[in-house]
């Protein structure tokens, strides 16, 4: 299901023919999250995440996502896409790695100490990230749904999924757009 997103003014849109920047994506998720009617329209499921595809700026991929209590993404990255997300309601927690990982040719990596980062993102808080950013996002609440808005450019070419045990990160699977659309 696609939903029109808030109209972009010419000053908020990327210049014709140019790719949206992280700042453009952040602006988009902030304005979209401010649309209370859109946020309230997302169907929420107590058992699993729900999502609606949005029209992002400059050909970007965008999503409105509902997170039931305890839901999370698992460790993953968005390959060559940059992105931004904002918690519209509830609170999300992002666990990420402050290290650039090799993009190809490995199955298991031993992470060094000190690469872990944690960000709490209550309603209204946003986050932008660059290419190959490895993270997991969780709704750690036991009682309350969270809702977030996400945008990626270029549209997600793939998502790499990882498992993690202690300091060992293992590439488990590579998903392509046809796997989640």
C-alpha atoms as a PDB file:
ATOM      1  CA  UNK A   1       0.000   0.000   0.000  1.00  0.00           C
ATOM      2  CA  UNK A   2       1.405   3.407  -0.935  1.00  0.00           C
ATOM      3  CA  UNK A   3       0.313   6.548   0.791  1.00  0.00           C
ATOM      4  CA  UNK A   4       0.985  10.051  -0.460  1.00  0.00           C
ATOM      5  CA  UNK A   5       3.322  11.873   1.836  1.00  0.00           C
ATOM      6  CA  UNK A   6       3.247  15.502   2.881  1.00  0.00           C
ATOM      7  CA  UNK A   7       3.797  17.819  -0.034  1.00  0.00           C
ATOM      8  CA  UNK A   8       7.342  19.010  -0.426  1.00  0.00           C
ATOM      9  CA  UNK A   9       7.853  22.707  -0.935  1.00  0.00           C
ATOM     10  CA  UNK A  10      10.370  23.633  -3.595  1.00  0.00           C
ATOM     11  CA  UNK A  11      12.841  24.699  -0.899  1.00  0.00           C
ATOM     12  CA  UNK A  12      12.626  21.286   0.785  1.00  0.00           C
ATOM     13  CA  UNK A  13      12.934  19.221  -2.385  1.00  0.00           C
ATOM     14  CA  UNK A  14      16.248  18.207  -3.855  1.00  0.00           C
ATOM     15  CA  UNK A  15      17.174  20.237  -6.914  1.00  0.00           C
ATOM     16  CA  UNK A  16      15.837  18.747 -10.133  1.00  0.00           C
ATOM     17  CA  UNK A  17      18.066  15.863 -11.172  1.00  0.00           C
ATOM     18  CA  UNK A  18      20.044  15.781  -7.927  1.00  0.00           C
ATOM     19  CA  UNK A  19      19.946  13.022  -5.358  1.00  0.00           C
ATOM     20  CA  UNK A  20      18.411  13.786  -1.974  1.00  0.00           C
ATOM     21  CA  UNK A  21      21.008  14.329   0.740  1.00  0.00           C
ATOM     22  CA  UNK A  22      20.871  13.082   4.325  1.00  0.00           C
ATOM     23  CA  UNK A  23      19.594  16.573   5.237  1.00  0.00           C
ATOM     24  CA  UNK A  24      16.777  16.235   2.659  1.00  0.00           C
ATOM     25  CA  UNK A  25      15.845  12.826   4.089  1.00  0.00           C
ATOM     26  CA  UNK A  26      15.880  14.187   7.653  1.00  0.00           C
ATOM     27  CA  UNK A  27      13.670  17.091   6.612  1.00  0.00           C
ATOM     28  CA  UNK A  28      11.260  14.659   4.958  1.00  0.00           C
ATOM     29  CA  UNK A  29      10.973  12.342   7.995  1.00  0.00           C
ATOM     30  CA  UNK A  30      10.475  15.328  10.316  1.00  0.00           C
ATOM     31  CA  UNK A  31       7.700  16.840   8.201  1.00  0.00           C
ATOM     32  CA  UNK A  32       6.053  13.464   7.625  1.00  0.00           C
ATOM     33  CA  UNK A  33       6.075  12.622  11.345  1.00  0.00           C
ATOM     34  CA  UNK A  34       4.388  15.971  12.038  1.00  0.00           C
ATOM     35  CA  UNK A  35       1.363  14.810   9.996  1.00  0.00           C
ATOM     36  CA  UNK A  36      -0.736  13.536  12.912  1.00  0.00           C
ATOM     37  CA  UNK A  37      -3.472  12.234  10.610  1.00  0.00           C
ATOM     38  CA  UNK A  38      -1.000  10.125   8.618  1.00  0.00           C
ATOM     39  CA  UNK A  39       0.645   8.746  11.773  1.00  0.00           C
ATOM     40  CA  UNK A  40      -2.746   7.857  13.268  1.00  0.00           C
ATOM     41  CA  UNK A  41      -3.775   6.087  10.033  1.00  0.00           C
ATOM     42  CA  UNK A  42      -1.144   3.341  10.360  1.00  0.00           C
ATOM     43  CA  UNK A  43      -2.768   0.053  11.356  1.00  0.00           C
ATOM     44  CA  UNK A  44      -1.003  -1.419  14.380  1.00  0.00           C
ATOM     45  CA  UNK A  45      -0.661  -5.151  15.044  1.00  0.00           C
ATOM     46  CA  UNK A  46       0.130  -6.475  18.535  1.00  0.00           C
ATOM     47  CA  UNK A  47       2.053  -9.407  17.030  1.00  0.00           C
ATOM     48  CA  UNK A  48       4.372  -7.842  14.459  1.00  0.00           C
ATOM     49  CA  UNK A  49       5.592  -4.733  12.727  1.00  0.00           C
ATOM     50  CA  UNK A  50       3.314  -3.051  10.205  1.00  0.00           C
ATOM     51  CA  UNK A  51       4.354  -0.699   7.446  1.00  0.00           C
ATOM     52  CA  UNK A  52       3.086   1.490   4.659  1.00  0.00           C
ATOM     53  CA  UNK A  53       5.235   2.685   1.799  1.00  0.00           C
ATOM     54  CA  UNK A  54       5.378   6.446   1.325  1.00  0.00           C
ATOM     55  CA  UNK A  55       6.490   8.604  -1.564  1.00  0.00           C
ATOM     56  CA  UNK A  56       9.887   9.963  -0.546  1.00  0.00           C
ATOM     57  CA  UNK A  57      11.677  13.028  -1.905  1.00  0.00           C
ATOM     58  CA  UNK A  58      13.715  12.832  -5.103  1.00  0.00           C
ATOM     59  CA  UNK A  59      12.981   9.186  -5.813  1.00  0.00           C
ATOM     60  CA  UNK A  60      13.929   8.000  -2.331  1.00  0.00           C
ATOM     61  CA  UNK A  61      12.280   5.028  -0.658  1.00  0.00           C
ATOM     62  CA  UNK A  62      10.221   5.885   2.424  1.00  0.00           C
ATOM     63  CA  UNK A  63       8.218   3.919   4.982  1.00  0.00           C
ATOM     64  CA  UNK A  64       5.893   4.502   7.916  1.00  0.00           C
ATOM     65  CA  UNK A  65       6.508   1.642  10.380  1.00  0.00           C
ATOM     66  CA  UNK A  66       4.590   0.490  13.461  1.00  0.00           C
ATOM     67  CA  UNK A  67       6.506  -1.376  16.147  1.00  0.00           C
ATOM     68  CA  UNK A  68       4.626  -3.427  18.754  1.00  0.00           C
ATOM     69  CA  UNK A  69       6.186  -3.779  22.195  1.00  0.00           C
ATOM     70  CA  UNK A  70       9.394  -5.803  21.993  1.00  0.00           C
ATOM     71  CA  UNK A  71       9.694  -5.658  18.166  1.00  0.00           C
ATOM     72  CA  UNK A  72      13.048  -5.148  16.498  1.00  0.00           C
ATOM     73  CA  UNK A  73      14.869  -5.394  13.208  1.00  0.00           C
ATOM     74  CA  UNK A  74      17.840  -7.520  14.145  1.00  0.00           C
ATOM     75  CA  UNK A  75      21.314  -6.436  13.042  1.00  0.00           C
ATOM     76  CA  UNK A  76      21.383  -5.222   9.426  1.00  0.00           C
ATOM     77  CA  UNK A  77      22.651  -2.562   7.052  1.00  0.00           C
ATOM     78  CA  UNK A  78      21.175  -0.797   4.027  1.00  0.00           C
ATOM     79  CA  UNK A  79      24.126  -1.392   1.693  1.00  0.00           C
ATOM     80  CA  UNK A  80      24.857   1.656  -0.493  1.00  0.00           C
ATOM     81  CA  UNK A  81      21.896   3.727   0.710  1.00  0.00           C
ATOM     82  CA  UNK A  82      22.048   6.664   3.094  1.00  0.00           C
ATOM     83  CA  UNK A  83      19.072   7.048   5.373  1.00  0.00           C
ATOM     84  CA  UNK A  84      17.196   8.883   8.059  1.00  0.00           C
ATOM     85  CA  UNK A  85      14.475   7.943  10.506  1.00  0.00           C
ATOM     86  CA  UNK A  86      12.441   9.633  13.187  1.00  0.00           C
ATOM     87  CA  UNK A  87      10.359   8.246  16.018  1.00  0.00           C
ATOM     88  CA  UNK A  88       6.882   9.740  15.589  1.00  0.00           C
ATOM     89  CA  UNK A  89       5.414   8.163  18.735  1.00  0.00           C
ATOM     90  CA  UNK A  90       6.697   5.925  21.501  1.00  0.00           C
ATOM     91  CA  UNK A  91      10.436   5.360  21.776  1.00  0.00           C
ATOM     92  CA  UNK A  92      12.940   3.377  19.748  1.00  0.00           C
ATOM     93  CA  UNK A  93      16.468   2.344  20.636  1.00  0.00           C
ATOM     94  CA  UNK A  94      19.201   2.053  18.028  1.00  0.00           C
ATOM     95  CA  UNK A  95      22.243  -0.120  18.647  1.00  0.00           C
ATOM     96  CA  UNK A  96      24.941   0.558  16.059  1.00  0.00           C
ATOM     97  CA  UNK A  97      28.575  -0.031  15.254  1.00  0.00           C
ATOM     98  CA  UNK A  98      30.946   2.915  15.048  1.00  0.00           C
ATOM     99  CA  UNK A  99      33.197   1.069  12.629  1.00  0.00           C
ATOM    100  CA  UNK A 100      33.378   0.808   8.873  1.00  0.00           C
ATOM    101  CA  UNK A 101      33.041  -2.849   7.908  1.00  0.00           C
ATOM    102  CA  UNK A 102      34.261  -4.392   4.688  1.00  0.00           C
ATOM    103  CA  UNK A 103      31.354  -4.459   2.244  1.00  0.00           C
ATOM    104  CA  UNK A 104      32.076  -7.805   0.592  1.00  0.00           C
ATOM    105  CA  UNK A 105      34.130 -10.949   0.886  1.00  0.00           C
ATOM    106  CA  UNK A 106      33.554 -11.866   4.510  1.00  0.00           C
ATOM    107  CA  UNK A 107      31.190 -14.084   6.468  1.00  0.00           C
ATOM    108  CA  UNK A 108      32.392 -13.582  10.066  1.00  0.00           C
ATOM    109  CA  UNK A 109      34.118 -10.615  11.735  1.00  0.00           C
ATOM    110  CA  UNK A 110      35.550 -10.170  15.210  1.00  0.00           C
ATOM    111  CA  UNK A 111      34.559  -6.674  16.357  1.00  0.00           C
ATOM    112  CA  UNK A 112      36.985  -4.624  18.401  1.00  0.00           C
ATOM    113  CA  UNK A 113      36.073  -3.281  21.833  1.00  0.00           C
ATOM    114  CA  UNK A 114      34.507   0.172  21.903  1.00  0.00           C
ATOM    115  CA  UNK A 115      32.635   0.028  18.576  1.00  0.00           C
ATOM    116  CA  UNK A 116      29.168  -0.236  20.124  1.00  0.00           C
ATOM    117  CA  UNK A 117      26.886   2.803  20.249  1.00  0.00           C
ATOM    118  CA  UNK A 118      23.409   3.144  21.757  1.00  0.00           C
ATOM    119  CA  UNK A 119      20.894   5.905  20.985  1.00  0.00           C
ATOM    120  CA  UNK A 120      17.509   6.310  22.609  1.00  0.00           C
ATOM    121  CA  UNK A 121      15.087   7.989  20.228  1.00  0.00           C
ATOM    122  CA  UNK A 122      11.924   9.181  21.984  1.00  0.00           C
ATOM    123  CA  UNK A 123       9.110  10.783  19.968  1.00  0.00           C
ATOM    124  CA  UNK A 124      10.422  13.669  17.899  1.00  0.00           C
ATOM    125  CA  UNK A 125      14.037  12.455  17.812  1.00  0.00           C
ATOM    126  CA  UNK A 126      15.626  11.665  14.466  1.00  0.00           C
ATOM    127  CA  UNK A 127      18.771  10.066  13.143  1.00  0.00           C
ATOM    128  CA  UNK A 128      20.589  10.127   9.798  1.00  0.00           C
ATOM    129  CA  UNK A 129      23.216   7.610   8.740  1.00  0.00           C
ATOM    130  CA  UNK A 130      25.583   6.917   5.879  1.00  0.00           C
ATOM    131  CA  UNK A 131      26.226   3.990   3.586  1.00  0.00           C
ATOM    132  CA  UNK A 132      26.929   0.563   5.114  1.00  0.00           C
ATOM    133  CA  UNK A 133      25.712   1.665   8.576  1.00  0.00           C
ATOM    134  CA  UNK A 134      25.252  -1.517  10.641  1.00  0.00           C
ATOM    135  CA  UNK A 135      22.548  -1.252  13.292  1.00  0.00           C
ATOM    136  CA  UNK A 136      19.495  -2.755  14.898  1.00  0.00           C
ATOM    137  CA  UNK A 137      16.421  -0.807  15.944  1.00  0.00           C
ATOM    138  CA  UNK A 138      14.150  -1.940  18.774  1.00  0.00           C
ATOM    139  CA  UNK A 139      10.985  -0.923  20.574  1.00  0.00           C
ATOM    140  CA  UNK A 140      12.067  -1.942  24.063  1.00  0.00           C
ATOM    141  CA  UNK A 141       8.764  -0.922  25.660  1.00  0.00           C
ATOM    142  CA  UNK A 142       6.710  -3.723  27.163  1.00  0.00           C
ATOM    143  CA  UNK A 143       3.415  -1.840  26.884  1.00  0.00           C
ATOM    144  CA  UNK A 144       3.451   0.713  24.085  1.00  0.00           C
ATOM    145  CA  UNK A 145       3.688   0.689  20.300  1.00  0.00           C
ATOM    146  CA  UNK A 146       6.156   2.989  18.590  1.00  0.00           C
ATOM    147  CA  UNK A 147       5.730   4.507  15.132  1.00  0.00           C
ATOM    148  CA  UNK A 148       8.562   5.780  12.965  1.00  0.00           C
ATOM    149  CA  UNK A 149       9.180   7.312   9.544  1.00  0.00           C
ATOM    150  CA  UNK A 150      12.156   6.135   7.437  1.00  0.00           C
ATOM    151  CA  UNK A 151      13.680   7.326   4.143  1.00  0.00           C
ATOM    152  CA  UNK A 152      16.556   5.884   2.101  1.00  0.00           C
ATOM    153  CA  UNK A 153      18.417   6.958  -1.011  1.00  0.00           C
ATOM    154  CA  UNK A 154      19.070   5.388  -3.365  1.00  0.00           C
ATOM    155  CA  UNK A 155      16.062   3.110  -2.921  1.00  0.00           C
ATOM    156  CA  UNK A 156      17.285   0.066  -1.027  1.00  0.00           C
ATOM    157  CA  UNK A 157      19.312  -2.142  -3.367  1.00  0.00           C
ATOM    158  CA  UNK A 158      19.630  -4.775  -0.648  1.00  0.00           C
ATOM    159  CA  UNK A 159      19.631  -5.329   3.081  1.00  0.00           C
ATOM    160  CA  UNK A 160      22.328  -7.471   4.647  1.00  0.00           C
ATOM    161  CA  UNK A 161      21.203  -9.279   7.813  1.00  0.00           C
ATOM    162  CA  UNK A 162      23.640 -10.263  10.540  1.00  0.00           C
ATOM    163  CA  UNK A 163      23.662 -12.294  13.730  1.00  0.00           C
ATOM    164  CA  UNK A 164      25.785 -11.225  16.651  1.00  0.00           C
ATOM    165  CA  UNK A 165      27.218 -13.200  19.540  1.00  0.00           C
ATOM    166  CA  UNK A 166      29.406 -11.086  21.803  1.00  0.00           C
ATOM    167  CA  UNK A 167      32.004  -9.443  19.565  1.00  0.00           C
ATOM    168  CA  UNK A 168      31.402 -11.793  16.631  1.00  0.00           C
ATOM    169  CA  UNK A 169      29.275 -10.490  13.760  1.00  0.00           C
ATOM    170  CA  UNK A 170      28.188 -13.019  11.130  1.00  0.00           C
ATOM    171  CA  UNK A 171      26.605 -12.254   7.757  1.00  0.00           C
ATOM    172  CA  UNK A 172      23.489 -14.453   7.609  1.00  0.00           C
ATOM    173  CA  UNK A 173      21.553 -13.359   4.534  1.00  0.00           C
ATOM    174  CA  UNK A 174      21.252 -10.765   1.811  1.00  0.00           C
ATOM    175  CA  UNK A 175      17.717  -9.600   0.970  1.00  0.00           C
ATOM    176  CA  UNK A 176      16.738  -7.871  -2.256  1.00  0.00           C
ATOM    177  CA  UNK A 177      13.738  -5.536  -2.763  1.00  0.00           C
ATOM    178  CA  UNK A 178      11.573  -8.342  -4.111  1.00  0.00           C
ATOM    179  CA  UNK A 179      11.933 -10.082  -0.725  1.00  0.00           C
ATOM    180  CA  UNK A 180      10.126  -7.339   1.229  1.00  0.00           C
ATOM    181  CA  UNK A 181       7.870  -5.508  -1.222  1.00  0.00           C
END
